[in-house]
């Protein structure tokens, strides 16, 4: 699991939910490892323009928007360290 995932989870969930959140994150990572290559090959077969059809949308409870913003800022620092520009 990437280090930023381990750092950010405690900021997003309460202590009693921490184990479940870490487990669910691990399931998501492993599912992405299994499904990602297959999805990538479908996108390549469809043409490179199909890449723009893949988007992520976050739906955030307005009461937790500040928490989400802080978490995304922390993630942004980590991603830029690894070469992302935005």
N, C-alpha and C. Protein backbone atom coordinates (compact mmCIF):
# COMPACT_ATOMS: atom_id res chain seq x y z
N UNK A 1 0.84 -1.18 0.00
CA UNK A 1 0.00 0.00 0.00
C UNK A 1 0.89 1.24 0.00
N UNK A 2 0.56 2.21 -0.82
CA UNK A 2 1.34 3.44 -0.80
C UNK A 2 1.31 4.10 0.57
N UNK A 3 2.40 4.72 0.94
CA UNK A 3 2.51 5.32 2.26
C UNK A 3 1.44 6.39 2.51
N UNK A 4 1.10 7.19 1.47
CA UNK A 4 0.12 8.25 1.69
C UNK A 4 -1.24 7.69 2.11
N UNK A 5 -1.58 6.49 1.67
CA UNK A 5 -2.84 5.87 2.08
C UNK A 5 -2.85 5.57 3.56
N UNK A 6 -1.73 5.13 4.08
CA UNK A 6 -1.64 4.82 5.50
C UNK A 6 -1.70 6.09 6.35
N UNK A 7 -1.18 7.15 5.84
CA UNK A 7 -1.13 8.40 6.60
C UNK A 7 -2.50 9.07 6.63
N UNK A 8 -3.22 9.02 5.56
CA UNK A 8 -4.44 9.81 5.42
C UNK A 8 -5.67 9.15 6.06
N UNK A 9 -5.71 7.85 6.14
CA UNK A 9 -6.90 7.16 6.64
C UNK A 9 -7.27 7.59 8.06
N UNK A 10 -6.32 7.68 9.00
CA UNK A 10 -6.70 8.12 10.35
C UNK A 10 -7.30 9.53 10.39
N UNK A 11 -7.01 10.33 9.38
CA UNK A 11 -7.58 11.67 9.32
C UNK A 11 -9.03 11.66 8.83
N UNK A 12 -9.43 10.58 8.21
CA UNK A 12 -10.76 10.52 7.59
C UNK A 12 -11.79 9.76 8.40
N UNK A 13 -11.35 8.86 9.28
CA UNK A 13 -12.31 8.03 10.02
C UNK A 13 -12.03 8.11 11.52
N UNK A 14 -13.03 7.74 12.29
CA UNK A 14 -12.87 7.72 13.74
C UNK A 14 -12.06 6.48 14.14
N UNK A 15 -11.49 6.54 15.32
CA UNK A 15 -10.64 5.44 15.79
C UNK A 15 -11.33 4.07 15.76
N UNK A 16 -12.60 3.98 16.21
CA UNK A 16 -13.25 2.65 16.16
C UNK A 16 -13.40 2.10 14.74
N UNK A 17 -13.46 2.97 13.75
CA UNK A 17 -13.63 2.53 12.37
C UNK A 17 -12.30 2.35 11.62
N UNK A 18 -11.20 2.61 12.29
CA UNK A 18 -9.90 2.62 11.62
C UNK A 18 -9.54 1.27 11.00
N UNK A 19 -9.70 0.18 11.74
CA UNK A 19 -9.36 -1.14 11.21
C UNK A 19 -10.19 -1.46 9.97
N UNK A 20 -11.47 -1.18 10.03
CA UNK A 20 -12.34 -1.44 8.87
C UNK A 20 -11.93 -0.59 7.68
N UNK A 21 -11.58 0.68 7.93
CA UNK A 21 -11.19 1.57 6.84
C UNK A 21 -9.89 1.10 6.18
N UNK A 22 -8.93 0.68 6.98
CA UNK A 22 -7.66 0.19 6.44
C UNK A 22 -7.89 -1.08 5.63
N UNK A 23 -8.73 -1.96 6.14
CA UNK A 23 -9.06 -3.20 5.43
C UNK A 23 -9.75 -2.90 4.10
N UNK A 24 -10.73 -2.02 4.13
CA UNK A 24 -11.45 -1.66 2.91
C UNK A 24 -10.51 -1.02 1.90
N UNK A 25 -9.60 -0.17 2.37
CA UNK A 25 -8.62 0.43 1.47
C UNK A 25 -7.75 -0.63 0.82
N UNK A 26 -7.33 -1.62 1.60
CA UNK A 26 -6.53 -2.71 1.06
C UNK A 26 -7.27 -3.50 0.00
N UNK A 27 -8.56 -3.74 0.24
CA UNK A 27 -9.39 -4.44 -0.75
C UNK A 27 -9.44 -3.62 -2.04
N UNK A 28 -9.62 -2.31 -1.90
CA UNK A 28 -9.66 -1.44 -3.08
C UNK A 28 -8.37 -1.46 -3.86
N UNK A 29 -7.24 -1.43 -3.15
CA UNK A 29 -5.93 -1.47 -3.82
C UNK A 29 -5.77 -2.78 -4.57
N UNK A 30 -6.09 -3.89 -3.93
CA UNK A 30 -5.93 -5.19 -4.59
C UNK A 30 -6.90 -5.37 -5.75
N UNK A 31 -8.11 -4.85 -5.61
CA UNK A 31 -9.07 -4.91 -6.71
C UNK A 31 -8.56 -4.10 -7.89
N UNK A 32 -8.00 -2.94 -7.61
CA UNK A 32 -7.44 -2.11 -8.68
C UNK A 32 -6.29 -2.82 -9.39
N UNK A 33 -5.48 -3.54 -8.63
CA UNK A 33 -4.38 -4.31 -9.23
C UNK A 33 -4.89 -5.41 -10.15
N UNK A 34 -6.04 -5.98 -9.78
CA UNK A 34 -6.59 -7.06 -10.59
C UNK A 34 -7.36 -6.54 -11.80
N UNK A 35 -8.16 -5.49 -11.61
CA UNK A 35 -9.03 -4.99 -12.67
C UNK A 35 -8.33 -3.97 -13.56
N UNK A 36 -7.38 -3.21 -12.99
CA UNK A 36 -6.71 -2.14 -13.72
C UNK A 36 -6.10 -2.55 -15.05
N UNK A 37 -5.28 -3.61 -15.08
CA UNK A 37 -4.69 -4.00 -16.35
C UNK A 37 -5.73 -4.40 -17.41
N UNK A 38 -6.78 -5.08 -16.99
CA UNK A 38 -7.83 -5.46 -17.95
C UNK A 38 -8.54 -4.23 -18.48
N UNK A 39 -8.86 -3.31 -17.60
CA UNK A 39 -9.50 -2.07 -18.02
C UNK A 39 -8.58 -1.26 -18.93
N UNK A 40 -7.30 -1.22 -18.59
CA UNK A 40 -6.33 -0.52 -19.43
C UNK A 40 -6.27 -1.08 -20.84
N UNK A 41 -6.30 -2.40 -20.96
CA UNK A 41 -6.23 -3.00 -22.30
C UNK A 41 -7.50 -2.70 -23.10
N UNK A 42 -8.64 -2.62 -22.43
CA UNK A 42 -9.89 -2.27 -23.12
C UNK A 42 -9.82 -0.83 -23.62
N UNK A 43 -9.28 0.06 -22.79
CA UNK A 43 -9.17 1.47 -23.18
C UNK A 43 -8.22 1.62 -24.36
N UNK A 44 -7.09 0.93 -24.30
CA UNK A 44 -6.13 1.01 -25.41
C UNK A 44 -6.75 0.46 -26.69
N UNK A 45 -7.49 -0.64 -26.57
CA UNK A 45 -8.14 -1.22 -27.74
C UNK A 45 -9.20 -0.27 -28.32
N UNK A 46 -9.86 0.49 -27.44
CA UNK A 46 -10.89 1.43 -27.89
C UNK A 46 -10.30 2.69 -28.51
N UNK A 47 -9.04 2.94 -28.24
CA UNK A 47 -8.37 4.14 -28.75
C UNK A 47 -8.01 5.06 -27.61
N UNK A 48 -6.95 5.80 -27.78
CA UNK A 48 -6.45 6.63 -26.70
C UNK A 48 -7.44 7.72 -26.28
N UNK A 49 -8.33 8.13 -27.15
CA UNK A 49 -9.33 9.12 -26.77
C UNK A 49 -10.27 8.61 -25.68
N UNK A 50 -10.40 7.30 -25.56
CA UNK A 50 -11.28 6.72 -24.54
C UNK A 50 -10.76 6.99 -23.13
N UNK A 51 -9.49 7.32 -23.00
CA UNK A 51 -8.93 7.60 -21.68
C UNK A 51 -9.69 8.74 -21.01
N UNK A 52 -10.17 9.69 -21.78
CA UNK A 52 -10.85 10.83 -21.20
C UNK A 52 -12.25 10.49 -20.70
N UNK A 53 -12.71 9.29 -20.94
CA UNK A 53 -14.00 8.86 -20.43
C UNK A 53 -13.90 8.40 -18.98
N UNK A 54 -12.69 8.16 -18.51
CA UNK A 54 -12.47 7.69 -17.14
C UNK A 54 -12.26 8.89 -16.22
N UNK A 55 -13.19 9.14 -15.37
CA UNK A 55 -13.11 10.25 -14.43
C UNK A 55 -13.47 9.77 -13.04
N UNK A 56 -13.01 10.50 -12.05
CA UNK A 56 -13.35 10.22 -10.67
C UNK A 56 -14.19 11.38 -10.14
N UNK A 57 -15.28 11.05 -9.51
CA UNK A 57 -16.13 12.09 -8.93
C UNK A 57 -16.27 11.79 -7.44
N UNK A 58 -15.99 12.78 -6.62
CA UNK A 58 -16.13 12.63 -5.18
C UNK A 58 -17.41 13.31 -4.74
N UNK A 59 -18.21 12.63 -3.96
CA UNK A 59 -19.42 13.22 -3.39
C UNK A 59 -19.17 13.33 -1.89
N UNK A 60 -19.04 14.55 -1.43
CA UNK A 60 -18.64 14.81 -0.07
C UNK A 60 -19.80 15.42 0.71
N UNK A 61 -20.03 14.89 1.91
CA UNK A 61 -21.01 15.48 2.81
C UNK A 61 -20.56 16.91 3.11
N UNK A 62 -21.40 17.89 2.87
CA UNK A 62 -20.99 19.29 3.09
C UNK A 62 -20.43 19.54 4.50
N UNK A 63 -20.92 18.81 5.48
CA UNK A 63 -20.43 18.97 6.84
C UNK A 63 -18.98 18.50 7.00
N UNK A 64 -18.52 17.66 6.08
CA UNK A 64 -17.15 17.12 6.17
C UNK A 64 -16.24 17.68 5.08
N UNK A 65 -16.67 18.74 4.41
CA UNK A 65 -15.90 19.27 3.29
C UNK A 65 -14.52 19.78 3.73
N UNK A 66 -14.43 20.35 4.92
CA UNK A 66 -13.13 20.83 5.40
C UNK A 66 -12.18 19.65 5.62
N UNK A 67 -12.68 18.56 6.19
CA UNK A 67 -11.86 17.36 6.38
C UNK A 67 -11.36 16.83 5.04
N UNK A 68 -12.27 16.78 4.06
CA UNK A 68 -11.90 16.29 2.74
C UNK A 68 -10.84 17.18 2.11
N UNK A 69 -11.01 18.49 2.23
CA UNK A 69 -10.04 19.42 1.67
C UNK A 69 -8.67 19.22 2.29
N UNK A 70 -8.60 19.05 3.61
CA UNK A 70 -7.32 18.81 4.29
C UNK A 70 -6.69 17.51 3.80
N UNK A 71 -7.50 16.48 3.66
CA UNK A 71 -6.99 15.19 3.20
C UNK A 71 -6.44 15.29 1.78
N UNK A 72 -7.15 15.99 0.92
CA UNK A 72 -6.69 16.14 -0.47
C UNK A 72 -5.42 16.99 -0.55
N UNK A 73 -5.30 17.97 0.33
CA UNK A 73 -4.08 18.78 0.35
C UNK A 73 -2.88 17.93 0.77
N UNK A 74 -3.08 17.06 1.76
CA UNK A 74 -2.00 16.16 2.18
C UNK A 74 -1.63 15.20 1.05
N UNK A 75 -2.62 14.69 0.36
CA UNK A 75 -2.38 13.79 -0.76
C UNK A 75 -1.68 14.51 -1.90
N UNK A 76 -2.05 15.76 -2.13
CA UNK A 76 -1.45 16.56 -3.19
C UNK A 76 0.06 16.71 -2.98
N UNK A 77 0.46 16.97 -1.75
CA UNK A 77 1.89 17.10 -1.44
C UNK A 77 2.62 15.81 -1.78
N UNK A 78 2.03 14.69 -1.40
CA UNK A 78 2.65 13.39 -1.68
C UNK A 78 2.75 13.13 -3.18
N UNK A 79 1.69 13.42 -3.91
CA UNK A 79 1.69 13.16 -5.36
C UNK A 79 2.66 14.05 -6.09
N UNK A 80 2.76 15.30 -5.69
CA UNK A 80 3.73 16.20 -6.34
C UNK A 80 5.14 15.75 -6.05
N UNK A 81 5.37 15.22 -4.87
CA UNK A 81 6.70 14.70 -4.54
C UNK A 81 7.08 13.57 -5.51
N UNK A 82 6.06 12.81 -5.95
CA UNK A 82 6.30 11.70 -6.85
C UNK A 82 6.24 12.08 -8.32
N UNK A 83 6.11 13.39 -8.62
CA UNK A 83 6.20 13.84 -10.01
C UNK A 83 4.94 14.42 -10.63
N UNK A 84 3.82 14.35 -9.92
CA UNK A 84 2.60 14.95 -10.48
C UNK A 84 2.75 16.46 -10.51
N UNK A 85 2.12 17.13 -11.48
CA UNK A 85 2.25 18.58 -11.56
C UNK A 85 1.01 19.30 -11.04
N UNK A 86 -0.13 18.61 -10.92
CA UNK A 86 -1.35 19.22 -10.38
C UNK A 86 -2.06 18.22 -9.52
